Amino acid sequence: RPSSQRGYPGVTMGSVSAPRSITADDLSLHPPVEEDAQLVAELMDVPVSADRPAEIVRGWREHWDAHGYGAWIVQEAAGRRAGFVGLRAHDDFIRATIRVGEDEGGDQLASRALRLVVAHALEWLPDLPLRIRVAPDDLATRFVAESAGMVHVPELDHTVDADAWLVLELPYVRVADRIPARAREAMLRMWIEVNDAGGAVGFVPGASEEEVARVLDG
């Protein structure tokens, strides 16, 4: 939506407040509570009595109070709290982080959680770039970010305290309430041409304009 309709801070759209929790069939995302220091300690492989896990959760909760969004705890359908996916406000961008346990299927769970957060950000958050940084050898996190639609932007790569970081960013997307007729025609033409050229865009080559138009309009 146009940035004039974005809610910040507090994240509202007109008189409607952004949902604090995000739910899907296979997982749900919830703002952190103090008891989530136990999960953070497990992910960090430190005792829950250590100061750092509680400090992290406290910082998350303060960010929620200030901005109306922040870190979500990833909870599987069966109820197990498996990790976190977070968003942190900066002056000119929003930074994403993601971490889940290393159990089998962890990468798929992380990918699904980050995709939900990306969709939430597009709908509710300030009209700012959404970025994530990963270590060059962290192929798993890069895969998760790319599966959520983020792409490497080499000119944003940087080094902090001798540690190199690659930066991935979500391409600019605007959620539109109305598609002008000429834009619809151009989108339909592009979809058909890519499909006929063998692109994996949902149809077999030779699909009719009517078939593609029904999906586009939906």
Foldseek 3Di string as FASTA:
>chain_A
DPLVQADWAQWARVPRGQDQKADDPWKIWHQDDQVCLCVVCVQVVHDSPDPVSNVVSVVQVVQCVRGVAWKIFIATPVGDGFWIWTWGDDPAAIEIDTDGDPDPCRLVSRLVVVLRVVVSCQVTNGQHKYKYKDAPPPVSVVVSCVSSQWAWDAVPWDDDPNGTITMTIHPRDHDDPDDDPVRLVVVLVVLLVCQLVPHPDPDHHPDDSVVSSVVSVD
